């Protein structure tokens, strides 16, 4: 049965697109244009009260019952467990995989996102915030380098949902002022993952809807202004 993926071409959306392609699961995409405010529509809020993409509806969920699920990390775990792939069977190795998945969810995603906001979208440049998050982004690349200089993938020898979670955020390092010459392990890992056909297909999902050029004032207000915080 076909999984519905309510999504948009952002790093968090790409995580799920890539996983579905890697796992060869049938799916259809329901675009949620976050710049236009579609994440606040009642039909999307019925799936995720947090009005953030991605979210899924799997008509063939656990025990054959339909499942609605939000949070990209939870979705990755669910899809891996559903198929028995991209997550280790050994309990200790599984915990290592989940450790690095949580590292992305609690570290890379939020910190890279804060840097992006203050460096690119904040209405005023705040040097303290930009410096703080620039340093934190570089520190996190260093953590990844320490791991990937001695391990093929984040969870160990095998490619997993931990890699899928981090890859869309870590790519395009130059946009954050990061020269990957300083991080050869990360560079090797990025190139290896980006060469995977399923990853290329996942990155192509909704690519034609990707915003081009500067963000409009309307988009900025929807994403960062009062609209974002209205009670629903």
N, C-alpha and C. Protein backbone atom coordinates (compact mmCIF):
# COMPACT_ATOMS: atom_id res chain seq x y z
N UNK A 1 0.84 -1.19 0.00
CA UNK A 1 0.00 0.00 0.00
C UNK A 1 0.88 1.25 0.00
N UNK A 2 0.36 2.33 -0.52
CA UNK A 2 1.15 3.53 -0.74
C UNK A 2 1.16 4.44 0.49
N UNK A 3 2.34 4.84 0.90
CA UNK A 3 2.50 5.77 2.02
C UNK A 3 2.35 7.19 1.51
N UNK A 4 1.57 7.99 2.22
CA UNK A 4 1.47 9.41 1.92
C UNK A 4 2.57 10.15 2.67
N UNK A 5 3.32 10.97 1.96
CA UNK A 5 4.38 11.77 2.56
C UNK A 5 4.04 13.24 2.38
N UNK A 6 3.70 13.89 3.47
CA UNK A 6 3.39 15.31 3.45
C UNK A 6 4.72 16.03 3.70
N UNK A 7 5.20 16.74 2.69
CA UNK A 7 6.60 17.16 2.77
C UNK A 7 6.88 18.37 1.90
N UNK A 8 8.14 18.82 1.97
CA UNK A 8 8.66 19.94 1.20
C UNK A 8 10.16 19.72 1.04
N UNK A 9 10.81 20.28 0.01
CA UNK A 9 12.23 19.99 -0.23
C UNK A 9 13.17 20.75 0.71
N UNK A 10 13.16 20.35 1.97
CA UNK A 10 14.07 20.86 2.99
C UNK A 10 14.92 19.69 3.48
N UNK A 11 15.96 19.94 4.27
CA UNK A 11 16.73 18.82 4.80
C UNK A 11 15.89 17.78 5.53
N UNK A 12 14.93 18.21 6.34
CA UNK A 12 14.10 17.24 7.05
C UNK A 12 13.19 16.48 6.10
N UNK A 13 12.70 17.16 5.07
CA UNK A 13 11.92 16.45 4.07
C UNK A 13 12.77 15.45 3.30
N UNK A 14 13.99 15.87 2.93
CA UNK A 14 14.87 14.99 2.17
C UNK A 14 15.20 13.71 2.92
N UNK A 15 15.30 13.79 4.24
CA UNK A 15 15.59 12.57 5.02
C UNK A 15 14.60 11.46 4.66
N UNK A 16 13.32 11.80 4.70
CA UNK A 16 12.28 10.80 4.49
C UNK A 16 12.20 10.40 3.03
N UNK A 17 12.37 11.36 2.11
CA UNK A 17 12.37 11.02 0.69
C UNK A 17 13.47 10.00 0.39
N UNK A 18 14.67 10.25 0.93
CA UNK A 18 15.80 9.35 0.68
C UNK A 18 15.53 7.97 1.28
N UNK A 19 15.03 7.93 2.51
CA UNK A 19 14.77 6.64 3.15
C UNK A 19 13.76 5.83 2.34
N UNK A 20 12.71 6.46 1.88
CA UNK A 20 11.70 5.74 1.10
C UNK A 20 12.29 5.21 -0.20
N UNK A 21 13.16 6.00 -0.82
CA UNK A 21 13.80 5.53 -2.05
C UNK A 21 14.76 4.38 -1.76
N UNK A 22 15.53 4.50 -0.69
CA UNK A 22 16.46 3.42 -0.33
C UNK A 22 15.71 2.13 0.00
N UNK A 23 14.57 2.26 0.67
CA UNK A 23 13.81 1.09 1.10
C UNK A 23 12.85 0.58 0.04
N UNK A 24 12.77 1.31 -1.07
CA UNK A 24 11.92 0.92 -2.21
C UNK A 24 10.46 0.72 -1.79
N UNK A 25 9.99 1.62 -0.93
CA UNK A 25 8.60 1.57 -0.49
C UNK A 25 7.75 2.46 -1.41
N UNK A 26 6.55 2.01 -1.76
CA UNK A 26 5.69 2.86 -2.58
C UNK A 26 5.19 4.06 -1.79
N UNK A 27 5.27 5.24 -2.40
CA UNK A 27 4.82 6.43 -1.70
C UNK A 27 4.36 7.48 -2.70
N UNK A 28 3.54 8.37 -2.22
CA UNK A 28 3.16 9.54 -2.99
C UNK A 28 3.37 10.77 -2.12
N UNK A 29 3.80 11.85 -2.75
CA UNK A 29 4.12 13.07 -2.03
C UNK A 29 2.92 14.02 -2.06
N UNK A 30 2.58 14.54 -0.90
CA UNK A 30 1.60 15.61 -0.79
C UNK A 30 2.39 16.87 -0.46
N UNK A 31 2.57 17.77 -1.42
CA UNK A 31 3.39 18.97 -1.15
C UNK A 31 2.75 19.86 -0.09
N UNK A 32 3.59 20.35 0.80
CA UNK A 32 3.16 21.30 1.83
C UNK A 32 4.07 22.51 1.69
N UNK A 33 3.61 23.52 0.98
CA UNK A 33 4.42 24.70 0.70
C UNK A 33 4.52 25.55 1.98
N UNK A 34 5.62 25.41 2.68
CA UNK A 34 5.74 26.09 3.98
C UNK A 34 5.90 27.59 3.82
N UNK A 35 6.40 28.05 2.68
CA UNK A 35 6.51 29.49 2.45
C UNK A 35 5.16 30.14 2.20
N UNK A 36 4.19 29.33 1.74
CA UNK A 36 2.85 29.83 1.48
C UNK A 36 1.91 29.60 2.67
N UNK A 37 2.40 28.96 3.71
CA UNK A 37 1.59 28.73 4.90
C UNK A 37 0.72 27.49 4.87
N UNK A 38 1.01 26.56 3.94
CA UNK A 38 0.16 25.37 3.83
C UNK A 38 0.29 24.44 5.03
N UNK A 39 1.34 24.62 5.82
CA UNK A 39 1.52 23.80 7.02
C UNK A 39 0.48 24.12 8.09
N UNK A 40 -0.27 25.19 7.92
CA UNK A 40 -1.28 25.57 8.91
C UNK A 40 -2.68 25.13 8.50
N UNK A 41 -2.79 24.44 7.38
CA UNK A 41 -4.10 23.97 6.93
C UNK A 41 -4.62 22.86 7.86
N UNK A 42 -5.93 22.82 8.07
CA UNK A 42 -6.51 21.83 9.00
C UNK A 42 -6.15 20.39 8.65
N UNK A 43 -6.10 20.06 7.35
CA UNK A 43 -5.81 18.69 6.97
C UNK A 43 -4.39 18.27 7.35
N UNK A 44 -3.46 19.24 7.36
CA UNK A 44 -2.11 18.91 7.79
C UNK A 44 -2.02 18.88 9.32
N UNK A 45 -2.68 19.80 9.98
CA UNK A 45 -2.69 19.83 11.44
C UNK A 45 -3.35 18.58 12.02
N UNK A 46 -4.20 17.92 11.23
CA UNK A 46 -4.81 16.68 11.69
C UNK A 46 -3.80 15.54 11.76
N UNK A 47 -2.68 15.70 11.06
CA UNK A 47 -1.61 14.70 11.10
C UNK A 47 -0.56 15.09 12.14
N UNK A 48 -0.20 16.37 12.15
CA UNK A 48 0.83 16.84 13.08
C UNK A 48 0.42 18.14 13.75
N UNK A 49 0.17 18.13 15.01
CA UNK A 49 -0.18 19.37 15.71
C UNK A 49 0.98 20.36 15.77
N UNK A 50 2.17 19.92 15.42
CA UNK A 50 3.36 20.78 15.47
C UNK A 50 3.56 21.57 14.18
N UNK A 51 2.70 21.39 13.20
CA UNK A 51 2.76 22.05 11.89
C UNK A 51 4.17 22.17 11.32
N UNK A 52 4.91 21.08 11.36
CA UNK A 52 6.23 21.01 10.73
C UNK A 52 6.27 19.80 9.80
N UNK A 53 6.91 20.00 8.64
CA UNK A 53 7.10 18.84 7.75
C UNK A 53 8.37 18.11 8.18
N UNK A 54 8.47 16.82 7.83
CA UNK A 54 7.51 15.98 7.13
C UNK A 54 6.58 15.24 8.09
N UNK A 55 5.53 14.67 7.53
CA UNK A 55 4.66 13.76 8.26
C UNK A 55 4.21 12.69 7.27
N UNK A 56 3.82 11.54 7.77
CA UNK A 56 3.38 10.47 6.88
C UNK A 56 2.06 9.89 7.36
N UNK A 57 1.36 9.29 6.42
CA UNK A 57 0.23 8.41 6.73
C UNK A 57 0.50 7.09 6.04
N UNK A 58 0.64 6.04 6.83
CA UNK A 58 0.85 4.70 6.28
C UNK A 58 -0.44 3.91 6.49
N UNK A 59 -1.17 3.60 5.41
CA UNK A 59 -2.41 2.85 5.58
C UNK A 59 -2.18 1.43 6.08
N UNK A 60 -0.95 0.95 5.94
CA UNK A 60 -0.60 -0.39 6.40
C UNK A 60 0.39 -0.28 7.55
N UNK A 61 -0.05 0.33 8.65
CA UNK A 61 0.81 0.51 9.80
C UNK A 61 0.85 -0.73 10.68
N UNK A 62 1.33 -0.60 11.91
CA UNK A 62 1.41 -1.73 12.82
C UNK A 62 0.05 -2.41 12.99
N UNK A 63 0.07 -3.74 12.99
CA UNK A 63 -1.15 -4.55 13.12
C UNK A 63 -2.14 -4.28 12.00
N UNK A 64 -1.64 -3.77 10.87
CA UNK A 64 -2.49 -3.53 9.73
C UNK A 64 -3.38 -2.31 9.84
N UNK A 65 -3.14 -1.48 10.85
CA UNK A 65 -3.95 -0.27 11.04
C UNK A 65 -3.21 0.95 10.50
N UNK A 66 -3.98 1.92 10.02
CA UNK A 66 -3.38 3.14 9.49
C UNK A 66 -2.61 3.87 10.59
N UNK A 67 -1.49 4.44 10.22
CA UNK A 67 -0.63 5.16 11.17
C UNK A 67 -0.34 6.55 10.65
N UNK A 68 -0.57 7.56 11.48
CA UNK A 68 -0.14 8.92 11.22
C UNK A 68 1.09 9.19 12.07
N UNK A 69 2.13 9.74 11.47
CA UNK A 69 3.38 9.93 12.22
C UNK A 69 4.07 11.21 11.77
N UNK A 70 4.52 12.00 12.75
CA UNK A 70 5.33 13.17 12.45
C UNK A 70 6.65 13.07 13.19
N UNK A 71 7.54 14.01 12.96
CA UNK A 71 8.94 14.04 13.41
C UNK A 71 9.78 13.11 12.53
N UNK A 72 10.70 13.73 11.79
CA UNK A 72 11.48 12.97 10.81
C UNK A 72 12.27 11.83 11.42
N UNK A 73 12.82 12.01 12.62
CA UNK A 73 13.56 10.93 13.25
C UNK A 73 12.68 9.74 13.57
N UNK A 74 11.48 10.01 14.08
CA UNK A 74 10.54 8.93 14.38
C UNK A 74 10.12 8.21 13.10
N UNK A 75 9.94 8.99 12.03
CA UNK A 75 9.56 8.38 10.75
C UNK A 75 10.67 7.47 10.24
N UNK A 76 11.92 7.91 10.35
CA UNK A 76 13.04 7.07 9.90
C UNK A 76 13.10 5.77 10.69
N UNK A 77 12.94 5.85 12.00
CA UNK A 77 12.95 4.63 12.82
C UNK A 77 11.81 3.71 12.40
N UNK A 78 10.64 4.28 12.22
CA UNK A 78 9.48 3.48 11.83
C UNK A 78 9.71 2.76 10.50
N UNK A 79 10.18 3.50 9.50
CA UNK A 79 10.38 2.90 8.18
C UNK A 79 11.45 1.81 8.23
N UNK A 80 12.51 2.05 9.00
CA UNK A 80 13.57 1.04 9.13
C UNK A 80 13.04 -0.21 9.81
N UNK A 81 12.26 -0.03 10.87
CA UNK A 81 11.71 -1.19 11.57
C UNK A 81 10.66 -1.91 10.74
N UNK A 82 9.91 -1.17 9.95
CA UNK A 82 8.87 -1.75 9.10
C UNK A 82 9.48 -2.72 8.09
N UNK A 83 10.67 -2.35 7.58
CA UNK A 83 11.30 -3.14 6.53
C UNK A 83 12.43 -4.03 7.03
N UNK A 84 12.91 -3.77 8.24
CA UNK A 84 14.05 -4.53 8.75
C UNK A 84 15.35 -4.15 8.07
N UNK A 85 15.42 -2.92 7.57
CA UNK A 85 16.61 -2.47 6.85
C UNK A 85 17.05 -1.10 7.38
N UNK A 86 18.31 -0.78 7.13
CA UNK A 86 18.90 0.52 7.48
C UNK A 86 18.98 0.76 8.98
N UNK A 87 18.84 -0.28 9.77
CA UNK A 87 19.03 -0.19 11.21
C UNK A 87 19.59 -1.53 11.68
N UNK A 88 20.64 -1.53 12.50
CA UNK A 88 21.26 -2.80 12.88
C UNK A 88 20.33 -3.69 13.71
N UNK A 89 20.48 -5.00 13.55
CA UNK A 89 19.73 -5.95 14.37
C UNK A 89 20.37 -6.14 15.73
N UNK A 90 21.69 -6.12 15.79
CA UNK A 90 22.39 -6.30 17.06
C UNK A 90 22.02 -5.17 18.01
N UNK A 91 21.62 -5.47 19.25
CA UNK A 91 21.16 -4.43 20.17
C UNK A 91 22.17 -3.32 20.42
N UNK A 92 23.43 -3.68 20.60
CA UNK A 92 24.44 -2.66 20.86
C UNK A 92 24.66 -1.78 19.63
N UNK A 93 24.74 -2.41 18.46
CA UNK A 93 24.93 -1.65 17.23
C UNK A 93 23.71 -0.78 16.92
N UNK A 94 22.53 -1.29 17.27
CA UNK A 94 21.31 -0.51 17.07
C UNK A 94 21.35 0.77 17.92
N UNK A 95 21.82 0.64 19.15
CA UNK A 95 21.89 1.82 20.03
C UNK A 95 22.90 2.83 19.51
N UNK A 96 23.99 2.36 18.93
CA UNK A 96 24.95 3.28 18.33
C UNK A 96 24.30 4.04 17.17
N UNK A 97 23.53 3.34 16.37
CA UNK A 97 22.81 3.97 15.27
C UNK A 97 21.85 5.03 15.80
N UNK A 98 21.07 4.69 16.81
CA UNK A 98 20.11 5.64 17.38
C UNK A 98 20.83 6.80 18.06
N UNK A 99 21.99 6.53 18.61
CA UNK A 99 22.80 7.60 19.22
C UNK A 99 23.12 8.68 18.19
N UNK A 100 23.58 8.26 17.01
CA UNK A 100 23.94 9.23 15.98
C UNK A 100 22.71 9.85 15.33
N UNK A 101 21.61 9.12 15.30
CA UNK A 101 20.37 9.73 14.85
C UNK A 101 19.96 10.85 15.80
N UNK A 102 20.05 10.59 17.10
CA UNK A 102 19.70 11.61 18.09
C UNK A 102 20.67 12.80 18.04
N UNK A 103 21.93 12.52 17.70
CA UNK A 103 22.91 13.59 17.54
C UNK A 103 22.47 14.56 16.44
N UNK A 104 21.94 14.00 15.38
CA UNK A 104 21.43 14.88 14.32
C UNK A 104 20.19 15.63 14.79
N UNK A 105 19.27 14.93 15.41
CA UNK A 105 18.01 15.55 15.81
C UNK A 105 18.21 16.63 16.87
N UNK A 106 19.11 16.39 17.80
CA UNK A 106 19.31 17.32 18.91
C UNK A 106 20.43 18.31 18.71
N UNK A 107 21.34 18.03 17.77
CA UNK A 107 22.50 18.88 17.57
C UNK A 107 22.56 19.50 16.19
N UNK A 108 22.82 18.69 15.18
CA UNK A 108 23.04 19.21 13.83
C UNK A 108 21.83 20.00 13.33
N UNK A 109 20.64 19.44 13.40
CA UNK A 109 19.46 20.11 12.88
C UNK A 109 19.20 21.45 13.56
N UNK A 110 19.04 21.46 14.89
CA UNK A 110 18.75 22.73 15.57
C UNK A 110 19.87 23.76 15.45
N UNK A 111 21.12 23.35 15.60
CA UNK A 111 22.22 24.31 15.57
C UNK A 111 22.47 24.85 14.17
N UNK A 112 22.43 23.99 13.17
CA UNK A 112 22.58 24.47 11.79
C UNK A 112 21.41 25.39 11.44
N UNK A 113 20.22 25.04 11.91
CA UNK A 113 19.06 25.86 11.65
C UNK A 113 19.17 27.24 12.28
N UNK A 114 19.69 27.30 13.51
CA UNK A 114 19.87 28.60 14.17
C UNK A 114 20.91 29.44 13.45
N UNK A 115 21.99 28.81 13.02
CA UNK A 115 22.99 29.57 12.25
C UNK A 115 22.35 30.13 10.99
N UNK A 116 21.60 29.30 10.29
CA UNK A 116 20.99 29.73 9.04
C UNK A 116 20.04 30.91 9.27
N UNK A 117 19.29 30.84 10.35
CA UNK A 117 18.35 31.92 10.64
C UNK A 117 19.08 33.24 10.91
N UNK A 118 20.03 33.20 11.84
CA UNK A 118 20.69 34.45 12.22
C UNK A 118 21.64 34.97 11.13
N UNK A 119 22.21 34.07 10.35
CA UNK A 119 23.14 34.51 9.30
C UNK A 119 22.41 35.00 8.05
N UNK A 120 21.22 34.43 7.79
CA UNK A 120 20.58 34.70 6.51
C UNK A 120 19.19 35.34 6.57
N UNK A 121 18.44 35.09 7.63
CA UNK A 121 17.04 35.50 7.63
C UNK A 121 16.65 36.49 8.72
N UNK A 122 17.40 36.61 9.76
CA UNK A 122 17.02 37.52 10.85
C UNK A 122 16.95 38.95 10.32
N UNK A 123 15.97 39.73 10.77
CA UNK A 123 15.80 41.10 10.26
C UNK A 123 16.96 42.02 10.62
N UNK A 124 17.72 41.66 11.64
CA UNK A 124 18.91 42.43 11.97
C UNK A 124 20.05 41.47 12.25
N UNK A 125 21.24 41.87 11.88
CA UNK A 125 22.42 41.04 12.10
C UNK A 125 22.87 41.20 13.55
N UNK A 126 22.91 40.09 14.25
CA UNK A 126 23.34 40.10 15.65
C UNK A 126 24.68 39.37 15.71
N UNK A 127 25.79 40.09 15.81
CA UNK A 127 27.11 39.46 15.76
C UNK A 127 27.28 38.34 16.77
N UNK A 128 26.79 38.54 17.99
CA UNK A 128 26.94 37.50 19.01
C UNK A 128 26.29 36.20 18.57
N UNK A 129 25.06 36.28 18.05
CA UNK A 129 24.34 35.07 17.64
C UNK A 129 25.04 34.40 16.46
N UNK A 130 25.46 35.19 15.50
CA UNK A 130 26.12 34.62 14.32
C UNK A 130 27.43 33.94 14.72
N UNK A 131 28.20 34.59 15.58
CA UNK A 131 29.46 34.00 16.01
C UNK A 131 29.22 32.73 16.83
N UNK A 132 28.25 32.78 17.72
CA UNK A 132 27.96 31.62 18.57
C UNK A 132 27.60 30.39 17.72
N UNK A 133 26.67 30.58 16.78
CA UNK A 133 26.22 29.43 16.01
C UNK A 133 27.22 29.03 14.93
N UNK A 134 28.02 29.97 14.44
CA UNK A 134 29.10 29.60 13.52
C UNK A 134 30.10 28.68 14.20
N UNK A 135 30.45 29.01 15.43
CA UNK A 135 31.38 28.17 16.19
C UNK A 135 30.78 26.81 16.49
N UNK A 136 29.49 26.80 16.79
CA UNK A 136 28.85 25.52 17.10
C UNK A 136 28.74 24.64 15.86
N UNK A 137 28.45 25.24 14.72
CA UNK A 137 28.41 24.47 13.47
C UNK A 137 29.77 23.85 13.20
N UNK A 138 30.83 24.63 13.34
CA UNK A 138 32.18 24.10 13.11
C UNK A 138 32.51 22.99 14.11
N UNK A 139 32.10 23.18 15.35
CA UNK A 139 32.34 22.14 16.36
C UNK A 139 31.66 20.84 15.98
N UNK A 140 30.42 20.93 15.47
CA UNK A 140 29.68 19.72 15.10
C UNK A 140 30.30 19.04 13.89
N UNK A 141 30.81 19.81 12.94
CA UNK A 141 31.56 19.19 11.85
C UNK A 141 32.78 18.45 12.40
N UNK A 142 33.38 19.01 13.44
CA UNK A 142 34.52 18.35 14.06
C UNK A 142 34.15 17.04 14.73
N UNK A 143 32.98 17.00 15.36
CA UNK A 143 32.50 15.75 15.97
C UNK A 143 32.30 14.69 14.89
N UNK A 144 31.67 15.10 13.80
CA UNK A 144 31.48 14.16 12.69
C UNK A 144 32.81 13.69 12.13
N UNK A 145 33.77 14.61 11.99
CA UNK A 145 35.08 14.24 11.46
C UNK A 145 35.76 13.20 12.36
N UNK A 146 35.67 13.40 13.65
CA UNK A 146 36.29 12.45 14.57
C UNK A 146 35.73 11.05 14.37
N UNK A 147 34.42 10.97 14.17
CA UNK A 147 33.79 9.67 13.95
C UNK A 147 34.12 9.11 12.58
N UNK A 148 33.97 9.93 11.55
CA UNK A 148 34.07 9.44 10.18
C UNK A 148 35.51 9.27 9.70
N UNK A 149 36.47 9.80 10.44
CA UNK A 149 37.87 9.54 10.10
C UNK A 149 38.28 8.12 10.46
N UNK A 150 37.47 7.47 11.30
CA UNK A 150 37.79 6.10 11.70
C UNK A 150 36.68 5.11 11.46
N UNK A 151 35.58 5.55 10.84
CA UNK A 151 34.43 4.67 10.60
C UNK A 151 33.83 5.00 9.25
N UNK A 152 33.49 3.98 8.45
CA UNK A 152 32.90 4.27 7.13
C UNK A 152 31.61 5.07 7.22
N UNK A 153 30.78 4.75 8.20
CA UNK A 153 29.50 5.41 8.36
C UNK A 153 29.29 5.76 9.83
N UNK A 154 28.26 6.54 10.10
CA UNK A 154 28.07 7.01 11.47
C UNK A 154 27.79 5.87 12.45
N UNK A 155 27.03 4.88 12.03
CA UNK A 155 26.70 3.78 12.93
C UNK A 155 27.75 2.67 12.91
N UNK A 156 28.75 2.79 12.05
CA UNK A 156 29.76 1.74 11.96
C UNK A 156 30.06 1.39 10.52
N UNK A 157 30.09 0.10 10.23
CA UNK A 157 30.47 -0.35 8.89
C UNK A 157 29.35 -0.23 7.87
N UNK A 158 28.11 -0.14 8.34
CA UNK A 158 26.97 -0.18 7.42
C UNK A 158 26.24 1.17 7.36
N UNK A 159 25.84 1.53 6.18
CA UNK A 159 24.99 2.70 5.93
C UNK A 159 23.66 2.51 6.64
N UNK A 160 23.14 3.58 7.26
CA UNK A 160 21.94 3.43 8.07
C UNK A 160 21.12 4.72 8.09
N UNK A 161 20.02 4.68 8.83
CA UNK A 161 19.19 5.89 8.99
C UNK A 161 19.95 7.01 9.69
N UNK A 162 21.00 6.70 10.42
CA UNK A 162 21.81 7.76 11.03
C UNK A 162 22.48 8.60 9.95
N UNK A 163 22.97 7.96 8.90
CA UNK A 163 23.59 8.68 7.79
C UNK A 163 22.53 9.46 6.99
N UNK A 164 21.39 8.82 6.78
CA UNK A 164 20.32 9.47 6.02
C UNK A 164 19.85 10.72 6.73
N UNK A 165 19.79 10.69 8.06
CA UNK A 165 19.33 11.86 8.82
C UNK A 165 20.31 13.02 8.71
N UNK A 166 21.60 12.75 8.79
CA UNK A 166 22.58 13.82 8.82
C UNK A 166 22.96 14.35 7.45
N UNK A 167 22.97 13.49 6.45
CA UNK A 167 23.47 13.88 5.13
C UNK A 167 22.83 15.15 4.58
N UNK A 168 21.48 15.28 4.55
CA UNK A 168 20.91 16.49 3.93
C UNK A 168 21.27 17.78 4.64
N UNK A 169 21.58 17.69 5.92
CA UNK A 169 21.99 18.88 6.68
C UNK A 169 23.47 19.20 6.49
N UNK A 170 24.30 18.19 6.39
CA UNK A 170 25.75 18.39 6.38
C UNK A 170 26.26 18.79 5.00
N UNK A 171 25.53 18.38 3.95
CA UNK A 171 25.95 18.74 2.58
C UNK A 171 25.91 20.27 2.40
N UNK A 172 26.49 20.73 1.33
CA UNK A 172 26.55 22.17 1.04
C UNK A 172 27.26 22.94 2.15
N UNK A 173 28.36 22.36 2.62
CA UNK A 173 29.09 22.95 3.74
C UNK A 173 29.58 24.36 3.44
N UNK A 174 29.89 24.65 2.18
CA UNK A 174 30.43 25.96 1.83
C UNK A 174 29.44 27.08 2.15
N UNK A 175 28.15 26.75 2.17
CA UNK A 175 27.15 27.77 2.51
C UNK A 175 27.28 28.23 3.96
N UNK A 176 27.91 27.42 4.78
CA UNK A 176 28.12 27.77 6.19
C UNK A 176 29.54 28.24 6.46
N UNK A 177 30.28 28.49 5.41
CA UNK A 177 31.65 28.93 5.58
C UNK A 177 32.59 27.82 5.98
N UNK A 178 32.22 26.58 5.69
CA UNK A 178 33.04 25.42 6.06
C UNK A 178 33.79 24.92 4.83
N UNK A 179 35.10 24.79 4.96
CA UNK A 179 35.94 24.22 3.90
C UNK A 179 36.19 22.76 4.27
N UNK A 180 35.68 21.85 3.46
CA UNK A 180 35.78 20.43 3.78
C UNK A 180 37.20 19.89 3.67
N UNK A 181 38.12 20.70 3.18
CA UNK A 181 39.53 20.30 3.23
C UNK A 181 39.94 20.05 4.68
N UNK A 182 39.32 20.77 5.60
CA UNK A 182 39.60 20.60 7.03
C UNK A 182 38.95 19.36 7.60
N UNK A 183 38.02 18.77 6.85
CA UNK A 183 37.24 17.64 7.36
C UNK A 183 37.20 16.53 6.30
N UNK A 184 38.34 15.90 6.03
CA UNK A 184 38.40 14.93 4.93
C UNK A 184 37.51 13.71 5.14
N UNK A 185 37.32 13.30 6.40
CA UNK A 185 36.43 12.17 6.65
C UNK A 185 34.99 12.50 6.30
N UNK A 186 34.57 13.70 6.64
CA UNK A 186 33.22 14.15 6.31
C UNK A 186 33.07 14.27 4.79
N UNK A 187 34.09 14.81 4.14
CA UNK A 187 34.06 14.96 2.68
C UNK A 187 33.92 13.61 2.00
N UNK A 188 34.71 12.63 2.44
CA UNK A 188 34.64 11.29 1.85
C UNK A 188 33.24 10.70 2.04
N UNK A 189 32.69 10.84 3.23
CA UNK A 189 31.36 10.31 3.58
C UNK A 189 30.28 10.97 2.72
N UNK A 190 30.33 12.31 2.59
CA UNK A 190 29.34 13.02 1.79
C UNK A 190 29.38 12.56 0.33
N UNK A 191 30.56 12.43 -0.21
CA UNK A 191 30.69 12.04 -1.62
C UNK A 191 30.17 10.62 -1.84
N UNK A 192 30.44 9.74 -0.90
CA UNK A 192 29.99 8.36 -1.03
C UNK A 192 28.47 8.27 -0.97
N UNK A 193 27.87 9.01 -0.07
CA UNK A 193 26.41 8.97 0.06
C UNK A 193 25.75 9.65 -1.14
N UNK A 194 26.28 10.78 -1.54
CA UNK A 194 25.66 11.53 -2.64
C UNK A 194 25.68 10.75 -3.94
N UNK A 195 26.61 9.81 -4.08
CA UNK A 195 26.70 9.01 -5.30
C UNK A 195 25.65 7.90 -5.36
N UNK A 196 24.97 7.64 -4.27
CA UNK A 196 23.96 6.57 -4.26
C UNK A 196 22.76 6.98 -5.11
N UNK A 197 22.31 6.11 -6.03
CA UNK A 197 21.16 6.46 -6.87
C UNK A 197 19.90 6.80 -6.08
N UNK A 198 19.64 6.07 -4.99
CA UNK A 198 18.44 6.35 -4.20
C UNK A 198 18.52 7.73 -3.55
N UNK A 199 19.72 8.14 -3.15
CA UNK A 199 19.90 9.47 -2.57
C UNK A 199 19.63 10.54 -3.62
N UNK A 200 20.12 10.34 -4.82
CA UNK A 200 19.89 11.30 -5.89
C UNK A 200 18.40 11.41 -6.20
N UNK A 201 17.71 10.28 -6.19
CA UNK A 201 16.25 10.31 -6.44
C UNK A 201 15.54 11.03 -5.30
N UNK A 202 15.96 10.77 -4.07
CA UNK A 202 15.34 11.42 -2.93
C UNK A 202 15.52 12.92 -2.94
N UNK A 203 16.71 13.38 -3.31
CA UNK A 203 16.97 14.82 -3.39
C UNK A 203 16.19 15.49 -4.51
N UNK A 204 15.80 14.70 -5.50
CA UNK A 204 15.05 15.26 -6.63
C UNK A 204 13.57 15.45 -6.32
N UNK A 205 13.08 14.83 -5.25
CA UNK A 205 11.66 14.92 -4.92
C UNK A 205 11.30 16.38 -4.63
N UNK A 206 10.31 16.89 -5.33
CA UNK A 206 9.82 18.26 -5.20
C UNK A 206 10.88 19.33 -5.55
N UNK A 207 11.96 18.92 -6.19
CA UNK A 207 13.01 19.89 -6.49
C UNK A 207 12.51 21.00 -7.40
N UNK A 208 11.51 20.69 -8.21
CA UNK A 208 10.96 21.71 -9.10
C UNK A 208 10.18 22.78 -8.33
N UNK A 209 9.86 22.49 -7.06
CA UNK A 209 9.12 23.45 -6.24
C UNK A 209 10.04 24.26 -5.32
N UNK A 210 11.33 23.98 -5.40
CA UNK A 210 12.29 24.67 -4.54
C UNK A 210 12.28 26.16 -4.82
N UNK A 211 12.23 26.95 -3.76
CA UNK A 211 12.23 28.40 -3.94
C UNK A 211 13.55 28.86 -4.55
N UNK A 212 13.43 29.77 -5.50
CA UNK A 212 14.61 30.34 -6.13
C UNK A 212 14.70 31.82 -5.75
N UNK A 213 15.90 32.30 -5.50
CA UNK A 213 16.09 33.70 -5.19
C UNK A 213 15.79 34.04 -3.75
N UNK A 214 15.72 35.33 -3.48
CA UNK A 214 15.55 35.82 -2.11
C UNK A 214 14.15 35.52 -1.59
N UNK A 215 14.05 35.35 -0.28
CA UNK A 215 12.78 35.12 0.36
C UNK A 215 11.96 36.41 0.35
N UNK A 216 10.68 36.28 0.04
CA UNK A 216 9.81 37.46 0.02
C UNK A 216 9.45 37.86 1.45
N UNK A 217 8.96 39.09 1.60
CA UNK A 217 8.52 39.54 2.92
C UNK A 217 7.37 38.68 3.44
N UNK A 218 6.50 38.26 2.54
CA UNK A 218 5.37 37.41 2.95
C UNK A 218 5.86 36.07 3.47
N UNK A 219 6.79 35.46 2.74
CA UNK A 219 7.35 34.18 3.18
C UNK A 219 8.05 34.34 4.53
N UNK A 220 8.79 35.42 4.68
CA UNK A 220 9.52 35.66 5.92
C UNK A 220 8.55 35.78 7.10
N UNK A 221 7.43 36.47 6.89
CA UNK A 221 6.46 36.62 7.96
C UNK A 221 5.82 35.28 8.32
N UNK A 222 5.50 34.49 7.31
CA UNK A 222 4.86 33.19 7.54
C UNK A 222 5.80 32.26 8.31
N UNK A 223 7.06 32.26 7.92
CA UNK A 223 8.02 31.33 8.51
C UNK A 223 8.56 31.79 9.85
N UNK A 224 8.69 33.11 10.05
CA UNK A 224 9.38 33.60 11.24
C UNK A 224 8.59 34.63 12.04
N UNK A 225 7.47 35.08 11.50
CA UNK A 225 6.70 36.13 12.17
C UNK A 225 5.58 35.60 13.03
N UNK A 226 4.60 36.46 13.25
CA UNK A 226 3.50 36.13 14.16
C UNK A 226 2.68 34.94 13.70
N UNK A 227 2.59 34.73 12.38
CA UNK A 227 1.81 33.61 11.85
C UNK A 227 2.30 32.28 12.44
N UNK A 228 3.60 32.17 12.60
CA UNK A 228 4.20 30.92 13.11
C UNK A 228 3.73 30.60 14.53
N UNK A 229 3.40 31.62 15.29
CA UNK A 229 3.14 31.42 16.72
C UNK A 229 1.67 31.56 17.10
N UNK A 230 0.81 31.72 16.12
CA UNK A 230 -0.61 31.85 16.40
C UNK A 230 -1.16 30.53 16.98
N UNK A 231 -2.08 30.66 17.92
CA UNK A 231 -2.68 29.48 18.53
C UNK A 231 -3.61 28.81 17.54
N UNK A 232 -3.52 27.48 17.45
CA UNK A 232 -4.36 26.73 16.51
C UNK A 232 -4.93 25.50 17.21
